[in-house]
Amino acid sequence: MKKRDSLFRRIIREKFEDLLSDTIRKGSLVVEMPSGDSCAGGDGSGRQVRIRITSWKALTRIVLYPDLAVGEAYMDGDLVMLDGEMYDLLDLIFTNMTVDEPSGLSSLTRRLVRLFVRLLDYNSPTRSRRNVAHHYDLDRRLYDLFLDSDRQYSCGYFETPGDGLEEAQLAKKRHLAAKMNLEPGQRVLDIGSGWGGLALYLARMYDASVLGVTLSDEQLAISNERARAEKREGQVDFKLRDYRSLTGRFDRIVSVGMFEHVGKRSYGEFFAKVRDLLEDDGVGVLHYIGRTTAPYVTNGWVRKYIFPGGYLPSLSEVMPEIERNGLTVTDVEVLRLHYADTLRHWRKRFMANRMRAVELYDKRFARMWEFYLAGAETGFRYQGLVIHQIQFAKSVSALPVTRDYMTENEEGLRQRDRVSERSQTAAG
């Protein structure tokens, strides 16, 4: 038995060293093995990152499926940071990696996972509700640890390099509202309305009548609290509702950070429903995380622990479904590093409040959330993740024929935001 164990461990060590040398070519990563000795990857340049892997089981899982096992090992305390933080490790890994299919044992695992996901990748209303609850129905105090005051849990828009998180999230709402080209009093549908910030902003700025739908009990409760606090219950209505069950017509439809949860097999269903809900002269704006690369399955760890049922599409997967369902794409914008900068703010805020996260949950949860924020930020910096903002309409004449109206709308909102900020400062 001991000889068999010794042979198995030698094989696993060799495969891990192959994985390390294939992955880390620049920089410096030192790994302390379960046996107590060390191996290294990289050319020795830059700041050294040093980790310890405490068990052969964790090392074996990393060799077989690193996409899932690295995060699990960190959560479980089987991967310990000795020099540097988790962000430093992931930054080192992703700056060395390409988005191409890797070689080695893990490539087979990835292919099997992709096949499994394709077979099961349909988010029914029941499954969608369960997936949303997994992430968004966590203790509301968790999100207070890292989000801005408006609880915007999506990519900010950094107009200038010195913008902070609050400024970027306000600018994001302006940017989306400008693309919607709203007129006062119009009826708006917000699919995936989160904690209500965008819906309330549109109501304040345009006197719009807004219906926001979410599948999260926690988000619904907070949204309604905010609407009552602003005395807008009759103007802004939040409901716990799947978009597929909605009826009626809307002048504008917006969806921010929800399309990632629809699931690839449901894209046609989504756009068919949006078409039916949109007035003939209506306008829609879709904001979601996408890829600049060819289509690829969601990272296994993220899918299991953070966003079950989630999928991040390439434009090539979205555009045909829009066209097939009788909608006209009127504008496309790709926000590249804005989400990386947003996540940097979230990660730093979370790390500053990490002990409070441990108090709310436990150390394992805090490590999981740190890994999530660090992995997401490095994904947007190095792995082809971006934000797609797609504007669409039923009629080619629904919008002005040049984009000048977007700039004019945005500047008008900016001026009003400044007036509002000065008023709040004076009152406070």
Protein backbone atom coordinates (compact mmCIF):
# COMPACT_ATOMS: atom_id res chain seq x y z
CA MET A 1 0.00 0.00 0.00
CA LYS A 2 2.83 2.41 0.91
CA LYS A 3 4.57 1.71 -2.40
CA ARG A 4 1.35 2.34 -4.27
CA ASP A 5 0.80 5.62 -2.39
CA SER A 6 4.37 6.65 -3.06
CA LEU A 7 4.03 5.94 -6.78
CA PHE A 8 0.73 7.80 -6.99
CA ARG A 9 2.16 10.84 -5.23
CA ARG A 10 5.20 10.87 -7.48
CA ILE A 11 2.96 10.84 -10.56
CA ILE A 12 0.77 13.62 -9.17
CA ARG A 13 3.82 15.69 -8.32
CA GLU A 14 5.20 15.28 -11.83
CA LYS A 15 1.88 16.27 -13.39
CA PHE A 16 1.64 19.27 -11.09
CA GLU A 17 5.16 20.38 -12.00
CA ASP A 18 4.21 20.05 -15.68
CA LEU A 19 1.11 22.16 -15.05
CA LEU A 20 3.18 24.74 -13.17
CA SER A 21 5.85 25.02 -15.87
CA ASP A 22 3.25 25.18 -18.65
CA THR A 23 1.28 27.89 -16.86
CA ILE A 24 3.84 30.13 -15.14
CA ARG A 25 6.55 31.21 -17.58
CA LYS A 26 7.15 34.77 -16.36
CA GLY A 27 7.24 35.98 -12.79
CA SER A 28 7.89 33.86 -9.72
CA LEU A 29 5.65 31.32 -8.01
CA VAL A 30 6.99 29.03 -5.29
CA VAL A 31 4.80 26.16 -4.10
CA GLU A 32 5.44 24.30 -0.86
CA MET A 33 4.23 20.74 -1.40
CA PRO A 34 2.40 18.45 1.06
CA SER A 35 5.70 16.58 1.45
CA GLY A 36 7.38 19.72 2.79
CA ASP A 37 9.70 20.47 -0.12
CA SER A 38 9.13 23.11 -2.80
CA CYS A 39 8.87 23.55 -6.55
CA ALA A 40 8.83 26.77 -8.55
CA GLY A 41 7.44 28.22 -11.75
CA GLY A 42 8.43 31.26 -13.77
CA ASP A 43 11.65 33.04 -14.66
CA GLY A 44 12.22 34.51 -11.21
CA SER A 45 11.30 38.04 -12.22
CA GLY A 46 9.07 40.39 -10.24
CA ARG A 47 7.59 39.92 -6.82
CA GLN A 48 7.65 36.35 -5.56
CA VAL A 49 4.31 34.74 -4.71
CA ARG A 50 4.60 31.83 -2.32
CA ILE A 51 1.87 29.34 -1.42
CA ARG A 52 1.53 26.08 0.48
CA ILE A 53 -0.64 23.14 -0.58
CA THR A 54 -1.30 21.11 2.55
CA SER A 55 -2.82 17.85 1.25
CA TRP A 56 -2.25 15.39 -1.58
CA LYS A 57 -5.99 15.26 -2.17
CA ALA A 58 -6.09 18.98 -2.92
CA LEU A 59 -2.99 18.70 -5.14
CA THR A 60 -4.57 15.81 -7.09
CA ARG A 61 -7.76 17.79 -7.66
CA ILE A 62 -5.77 20.80 -8.87
CA VAL A 63 -3.96 18.61 -11.40
CA LEU A 64 -7.22 17.13 -12.69
CA TYR A 65 -9.38 20.27 -12.77
CA PRO A 66 -7.64 23.48 -11.66
CA ASP A 67 -10.60 25.68 -12.73
CA LEU A 68 -12.60 24.27 -9.82
CA ALA A 69 -9.98 22.92 -7.43
CA VAL A 70 -7.77 25.98 -6.85
CA GLY A 71 -10.71 27.96 -5.47
CA GLU A 72 -11.95 25.00 -3.42
CA ALA A 73 -8.49 24.43 -1.96
CA TYR A 74 -8.30 28.07 -0.88
CA MET A 75 -11.79 27.99 0.63
CA ASP A 76 -11.02 24.80 2.56
CA GLY A 77 -7.64 26.01 3.85
CA ASP A 78 -5.73 23.46 1.74
CA LEU A 79 -4.08 26.27 -0.24
CA VAL A 80 -2.44 28.81 2.06
CA MET A 81 -0.99 32.13 0.96
CA LEU A 82 2.49 32.58 2.46
CA ASP A 83 3.72 35.63 0.50
CA GLY A 84 1.13 37.81 -1.23
CA GLU A 85 -2.66 37.78 -1.33
CA MET A 86 -4.98 35.65 -3.45
CA TYR A 87 -5.22 38.50 -5.96
CA ASP A 88 -1.43 38.34 -6.44
CA LEU A 89 -1.60 34.61 -7.18
CA LEU A 90 -4.44 34.95 -9.70
CA ASP A 91 -2.83 38.00 -11.29
CA LEU A 92 0.34 35.95 -11.81
CA ILE A 93 -1.57 32.99 -13.24
CA PHE A 94 -3.74 34.98 -15.64
CA THR A 95 -0.98 37.24 -16.92
CA ASN A 96 0.74 34.04 -18.06
CA MET A 97 -2.29 32.22 -19.44
CA THR A 98 -3.98 32.53 -22.79
CA VAL A 99 -7.67 31.88 -23.31
CA ASP A 100 -6.85 28.90 -25.53
CA GLU A 101 -7.54 25.33 -24.46
CA PRO A 102 -4.70 24.17 -22.16
CA SER A 103 -2.89 20.89 -22.55
CA GLY A 104 -2.57 18.15 -19.94
CA LEU A 105 -5.04 16.12 -17.89
CA SER A 106 -7.24 19.12 -17.13
CA SER A 107 -8.10 19.63 -20.81
CA LEU A 108 -10.11 16.37 -20.82
CA THR A 109 -11.96 17.45 -17.67
CA ARG A 110 -12.85 20.79 -19.25
CA ARG A 111 -14.28 19.06 -22.35
CA LEU A 112 -16.42 16.75 -20.21
CA VAL A 113 -17.69 19.69 -18.17
CA ARG A 114 -18.64 21.61 -21.33
CA LEU A 115 -20.63 18.61 -22.56
CA PHE A 116 -22.41 18.26 -19.20
CA VAL A 117 -23.26 21.98 -19.12
CA ARG A 118 -24.69 21.90 -22.66
CA LEU A 119 -26.97 19.01 -21.75
CA LEU A 120 -28.39 20.71 -18.64
CA ASP A 121 -28.15 24.40 -19.52
CA TYR A 122 -31.79 25.46 -19.39
CA ASN A 123 -32.87 27.84 -16.64
CA SER A 124 -36.57 27.19 -16.07
CA PRO A 125 -38.50 29.68 -13.90
CA THR A 126 -38.08 27.39 -10.88
CA ARG A 127 -34.39 26.85 -11.48
CA SER A 128 -33.85 30.56 -12.15
CA ARG A 129 -35.45 31.43 -8.81
CA ARG A 130 -33.22 28.93 -7.03
CA ASN A 131 -30.08 30.21 -8.78
CA VAL A 132 -30.87 33.82 -7.89
CA ALA A 133 -31.56 32.97 -4.25
CA HIS A 134 -28.16 31.24 -4.02
CA HIS A 135 -26.35 34.54 -4.57
CA TYR A 136 -28.67 37.49 -4.04
CA ASP A 137 -30.59 36.32 -0.97
CA LEU A 138 -27.50 36.36 1.22
CA ASP A 139 -27.47 38.55 4.32
CA ARG A 140 -28.01 42.12 3.13
CA ARG A 141 -25.22 43.30 5.42
CA LEU A 142 -22.69 41.42 3.26
CA TYR A 143 -23.29 43.73 0.32
CA ASP A 144 -22.91 46.77 2.58
CA LEU A 145 -19.28 45.72 3.03
CA PHE A 146 -18.25 46.50 -0.54
CA LEU A 147 -20.97 48.09 -2.71
CA ASP A 148 -21.60 51.82 -3.19
CA SER A 149 -24.36 53.61 -1.29
CA ASP A 150 -26.88 52.93 -4.11
CA ARG A 151 -26.11 49.17 -4.06
CA GLN A 152 -25.19 49.03 -7.73
CA TYR A 153 -24.03 45.43 -8.20
CA SER A 154 -22.88 45.80 -11.80
CA CYS A 155 -20.12 47.47 -13.78
CA GLY A 156 -19.50 51.15 -13.08
CA TYR A 157 -18.61 53.67 -15.77
CA PHE A 158 -15.34 55.49 -15.10
CA GLU A 159 -15.51 58.72 -17.05
CA THR A 160 -12.14 59.97 -15.73
CA PRO A 161 -9.20 58.06 -14.19
CA GLY A 162 -9.71 59.68 -10.78
CA ASP A 163 -13.35 58.66 -10.38
CA GLY A 164 -14.26 56.74 -7.24
CA LEU A 165 -16.86 53.99 -6.97
CA GLU A 166 -19.74 56.33 -6.14
CA GLU A 167 -19.00 58.57 -9.14
CA ALA A 168 -18.62 55.60 -11.49
CA GLN A 169 -21.91 54.01 -10.49
CA LEU A 170 -23.80 57.28 -10.87
CA ALA A 171 -22.16 57.76 -14.28
CA LYS A 172 -23.28 54.22 -15.25
CA LYS A 173 -26.91 55.11 -14.55
CA ARG A 174 -26.54 58.31 -16.60
CA HIS A 175 -24.94 56.38 -19.46
CA LEU A 176 -27.76 53.84 -19.60
CA ALA A 177 -30.49 56.46 -19.23
CA ALA A 178 -28.96 58.51 -22.06
CA LYS A 179 -29.10 55.48 -24.37
CA MET A 180 -32.73 54.84 -23.46
CA ASN A 181 -33.62 58.32 -24.77
CA LEU A 182 -36.46 58.55 -22.31
CA GLU A 183 -39.23 61.09 -22.49
CA PRO A 184 -41.04 62.31 -19.35
CA GLY A 185 -43.78 60.03 -18.08
CA GLN A 186 -42.91 57.00 -20.21
CA ARG A 187 -43.48 53.46 -18.95
CA VAL A 188 -40.26 51.53 -18.26
CA LEU A 189 -39.60 47.87 -17.51
CA ASP A 190 -36.43 47.02 -15.57
CA ILE A 191 -35.74 43.27 -15.91
CA GLY A 192 -33.57 42.18 -13.02
CA SER A 193 -34.00 45.39 -11.04
CA GLY A 194 -31.57 44.52 -8.24
CA TRP A 195 -31.89 46.73 -5.19
CA GLY A 196 -33.86 49.33 -7.14
CA GLY A 197 -31.25 52.03 -7.76
CA LEU A 198 -31.64 52.37 -11.53
CA ALA A 199 -35.44 52.26 -11.44
CA LEU A 200 -35.57 55.01 -8.81
CA TYR A 201 -33.04 57.10 -10.76
CA LEU A 202 -35.18 56.92 -13.92
CA ALA A 203 -38.26 57.86 -11.91
CA ARG A 204 -36.53 60.88 -10.37
CA MET A 205 -34.95 62.14 -13.59
CA TYR A 206 -37.78 61.51 -16.06
CA ASP A 207 -40.90 61.17 -13.94
CA ALA A 208 -41.05 57.70 -15.48
CA SER A 209 -43.43 54.99 -14.39
CA VAL A 210 -41.18 52.00 -13.70
CA LEU A 211 -41.87 48.32 -13.12
CA GLY A 212 -38.87 46.48 -11.70
CA VAL A 213 -38.88 42.68 -11.53
CA THR A 214 -36.51 40.47 -9.57
CA LEU A 215 -36.38 36.86 -8.37
CA SER A 216 -34.65 37.78 -5.11
CA ASP A 217 -36.70 38.18 -1.92
CA GLU A 218 -33.96 40.27 -0.31
CA GLN A 219 -33.64 42.61 -3.29
CA LEU A 220 -37.42 43.02 -3.46
CA ALA A 221 -37.64 43.92 0.22
CA ILE A 222 -34.91 46.55 0.00
CA SER A 223 -36.25 47.99 -3.27
CA ASN A 224 -39.70 48.46 -1.77
CA GLU A 225 -38.21 50.03 1.37
CA ARG A 226 -36.39 52.54 -0.83
CA ALA A 227 -39.47 53.30 -2.92
CA ARG A 228 -41.48 53.96 0.25
CA ALA A 229 -38.71 56.17 1.66
CA GLU A 230 -38.84 58.29 -1.51
CA LYS A 231 -42.66 58.24 -1.51
CA ARG A 232 -42.74 56.72 -5.00
CA GLU A 233 -44.83 53.59 -4.33
CA GLY A 234 -47.35 54.42 -7.04
CA GLN A 235 -44.72 55.48 -9.55
CA VAL A 236 -42.13 52.73 -9.07
CA ASP A 237 -43.46 49.22 -8.59
CA PHE A 238 -41.19 46.30 -7.67
CA LYS A 239 -42.43 42.73 -8.03
CA LEU A 240 -41.10 39.24 -7.40
CA ARG A 241 -41.71 38.02 -10.93
CA ASP A 242 -40.04 36.02 -13.70
CA TYR A 243 -39.85 38.15 -16.86
CA ARG A 244 -41.52 35.33 -18.80
CA SER A 245 -44.78 35.81 -16.87
CA LEU A 246 -45.14 39.54 -17.67
CA THR A 247 -47.83 41.05 -19.87
CA GLY A 248 -48.51 44.52 -21.23
CA ARG A 249 -46.40 46.96 -23.22
CA PHE A 250 -43.57 49.30 -22.26
CA ASP A 251 -41.99 52.31 -23.94
CA ARG A 252 -38.54 51.36 -22.68
CA ILE A 253 -37.02 48.10 -21.46
CA VAL A 254 -33.69 47.95 -19.67
CA SER A 255 -31.84 45.02 -18.19
CA VAL A 256 -28.56 45.35 -16.31
CA GLY A 257 -26.56 42.38 -15.04
CA MET A 258 -29.42 39.92 -15.47
CA PHE A 259 -28.79 38.43 -18.93
CA GLU A 260 -25.82 36.48 -17.54
CA HIS A 261 -28.38 34.38 -15.62
CA VAL A 262 -30.71 33.65 -18.56
CA GLY A 263 -28.74 30.67 -19.88
CA LYS A 264 -27.68 30.13 -23.48
CA ARG A 265 -30.60 27.85 -24.35
CA SER A 266 -33.04 30.56 -23.24
CA TYR A 267 -31.77 33.45 -25.39
CA GLY A 268 -34.47 33.04 -28.00
CA GLU A 269 -37.13 32.88 -25.30
CA PHE A 270 -35.74 36.06 -23.71
CA PHE A 271 -35.72 38.18 -26.85
CA ALA A 272 -39.11 36.89 -28.00
CA LYS A 273 -40.59 38.00 -24.70
CA VAL A 274 -38.84 41.37 -24.81
CA ARG A 275 -40.19 41.90 -28.35
CA ASP A 276 -43.72 41.19 -27.18
CA LEU A 277 -43.39 43.57 -24.21
CA LEU A 278 -41.89 46.45 -26.19
CA GLU A 279 -44.08 49.09 -27.83
CA ASP A 280 -43.77 49.36 -31.61
CA ASP A 281 -41.77 52.59 -31.23
CA GLY A 282 -40.04 51.41 -28.05
CA VAL A 283 -36.33 51.12 -27.23
CA GLY A 284 -34.45 48.53 -25.20
CA VAL A 285 -30.97 48.57 -23.64
CA LEU A 286 -29.23 45.39 -22.53
CA HIS A 287 -26.12 45.51 -20.31
CA TYR A 288 -24.36 42.24 -19.47
CA ILE A 289 -20.98 40.55 -19.03
CA GLY A 290 -19.75 39.10 -22.30
CA ARG A 291 -16.60 37.83 -23.96
CA THR A 292 -14.28 39.15 -26.64
CA THR A 293 -13.27 35.55 -27.32
CA ALA A 294 -14.98 32.60 -28.94
CA PRO A 295 -17.79 31.06 -26.83
CA TYR A 296 -16.57 29.25 -23.73
CA VAL A 297 -18.21 27.61 -20.74
CA THR A 298 -18.34 29.50 -17.43
CA ASN A 299 -15.50 28.78 -15.02
CA GLY A 300 -16.37 25.68 -12.98
CA TRP A 301 -15.73 27.23 -9.57
CA VAL A 302 -17.82 30.31 -10.35
CA ARG A 303 -20.65 28.16 -11.66
CA LYS A 304 -20.68 25.95 -8.57
CA TYR A 305 -20.20 28.49 -5.78
CA ILE A 306 -21.12 31.96 -7.04
CA PHE A 307 -23.47 32.02 -10.03
CA PRO A 308 -25.09 28.61 -10.67
CA GLY A 309 -26.67 28.56 -14.10
CA GLY A 310 -24.62 31.56 -15.22
CA TYR A 311 -23.22 31.94 -18.74
CA LEU A 312 -21.17 34.77 -20.27
CA PRO A 313 -21.81 34.94 -24.02
CA SER A 314 -19.81 36.18 -26.95
CA LEU A 315 -21.52 38.69 -29.23
CA SER A 316 -21.76 35.97 -31.87
CA GLU A 317 -24.18 34.09 -29.61
CA VAL A 318 -26.42 37.06 -28.82
CA MET A 319 -26.78 38.93 -32.12
CA PRO A 320 -28.43 36.10 -34.10
CA GLU A 321 -31.11 35.70 -31.42
CA ILE A 322 -31.91 39.42 -31.51
CA GLU A 323 -32.23 39.31 -35.30
CA ARG A 324 -34.33 36.13 -35.30
CA ASN A 325 -36.87 37.73 -32.98
CA GLY A 326 -37.65 40.78 -35.08
CA LEU A 327 -35.57 43.34 -33.20
CA THR A 328 -33.14 45.81 -34.77
CA VAL A 329 -29.77 46.46 -33.15
CA THR A 330 -29.33 50.24 -33.11
CA ASP A 331 -26.12 50.59 -31.11
CA VAL A 332 -23.41 48.41 -29.55
CA GLU A 333 -20.77 49.53 -27.04
CA VAL A 334 -18.07 47.42 -25.42
CA LEU A 335 -16.87 48.56 -22.00
CA ARG A 336 -13.47 46.98 -21.55
CA LEU A 337 -11.66 47.71 -18.27
CA HIS A 338 -14.50 49.45 -16.47
CA TYR A 339 -15.53 46.29 -14.65
CA ALA A 340 -11.96 45.46 -13.67
CA ASP A 341 -11.77 48.88 -12.00
CA THR A 342 -15.18 48.37 -10.38
CA LEU A 343 -14.07 45.04 -8.97
CA ARG A 344 -10.84 46.56 -7.71
CA HIS A 345 -12.91 48.94 -5.58
CA TRP A 346 -15.18 46.12 -4.40
CA ARG A 347 -12.23 43.87 -3.55
CA LYS A 348 -10.40 46.56 -1.56
CA ARG A 349 -13.56 47.48 0.34
CA PHE A 350 -14.26 43.83 1.09
CA MET A 351 -10.72 43.14 2.28
CA ALA A 352 -10.92 46.18 4.57
CA ASN A 353 -14.13 44.69 6.05
CA ARG A 354 -13.17 41.04 5.86
CA MET A 355 -13.51 40.35 9.59
CA ARG A 356 -17.11 41.56 9.42
CA ALA A 357 -17.75 38.99 6.67
CA VAL A 358 -16.29 36.31 8.95
CA GLU A 359 -18.66 37.46 11.70
CA LEU A 360 -21.64 37.30 9.33
CA TYR A 361 -20.71 33.85 8.01
CA ASP A 362 -17.34 32.19 8.70
CA LYS A 363 -13.73 32.08 7.51
CA ARG A 364 -14.48 29.70 4.66
CA PHE A 365 -17.14 32.04 3.29
CA ALA A 366 -14.77 35.02 3.56
CA ARG A 367 -12.10 33.12 1.62
CA MET A 368 -14.70 32.16 -0.99
CA TRP A 369 -15.79 35.78 -1.46
CA GLU A 370 -12.19 37.01 -1.64
CA PHE A 371 -11.44 34.40 -4.31
CA TYR A 372 -14.56 35.43 -6.24
CA LEU A 373 -13.71 39.14 -6.29
CA ALA A 374 -10.03 38.56 -7.08
CA GLY A 375 -10.85 36.03 -9.82
CA ALA A 376 -13.45 38.29 -11.39
CA GLU A 377 -11.11 41.28 -11.48
CA THR A 378 -8.26 39.33 -13.07
CA GLY A 379 -10.73 37.76 -15.51
CA PHE A 380 -11.70 41.23 -16.75
CA ARG A 381 -8.08 42.31 -16.96
CA TYR A 382 -6.62 39.31 -18.77
CA GLN A 383 -9.20 36.76 -19.91
CA GLY A 384 -11.34 38.58 -22.47
CA LEU A 385 -14.29 39.49 -20.22
CA VAL A 386 -16.02 42.78 -21.05
CA ILE A 387 -19.39 44.50 -20.77
CA HIS A 388 -21.66 44.56 -23.83
CA GLN A 389 -24.26 47.30 -23.98
CA ILE A 390 -26.69 46.62 -26.82
CA GLN A 391 -29.41 49.08 -27.76
CA PHE A 392 -32.28 47.72 -29.86
CA ALA A 393 -35.70 48.68 -31.17
CA LYS A 394 -38.54 47.30 -33.27
CA SER A 395 -38.55 50.24 -35.67
CA VAL A 396 -35.56 51.74 -37.48
CA SER A 397 -37.10 55.18 -36.90
CA ALA A 398 -37.49 54.81 -33.13
CA LEU A 399 -34.31 56.80 -32.44
CA PRO A 400 -32.47 59.82 -33.93
CA VAL A 401 -30.23 58.90 -36.85
CA THR A 402 -27.01 60.15 -35.21
CA ARG A 403 -25.59 59.38 -31.77
CA ASP A 404 -25.49 63.03 -30.73
CA TYR A 405 -28.63 62.59 -28.63
CA MET A 406 -26.75 60.22 -26.30
CA THR A 407 -24.09 62.83 -25.55
CA GLU A 408 -26.69 65.57 -25.11
CA ASN A 409 -28.84 63.40 -22.83
CA GLU A 410 -25.84 62.40 -20.76
CA GLU A 411 -24.63 65.98 -20.33
CA GLY A 412 -28.13 67.11 -19.30
CA LEU A 413 -28.29 64.38 -16.67
CA ARG A 414 -24.78 65.24 -15.48
CA GLN A 415 -25.79 68.84 -14.87
CA ARG A 416 -28.88 67.74 -12.95
CA ASP A 417 -26.83 65.30 -10.88
CA ARG A 418 -24.47 68.11 -9.91
CA VAL A 419 -27.37 70.32 -8.85
CA SER A 420 -28.82 67.46 -6.82
CA GLU A 421 -25.44 66.79 -5.17
CA ARG A 422 -25.04 70.46 -4.22
CA SER A 423 -28.56 70.50 -2.78
CA GLN A 424 -27.89 67.39 -0.69
CA THR A 425 -24.61 68.84 0.55
CA ALA A 426 -26.30 72.07 1.56
CA ALA A 427 -29.14 70.24 3.28
CA GLY A 428 -26.78 67.84 5.08
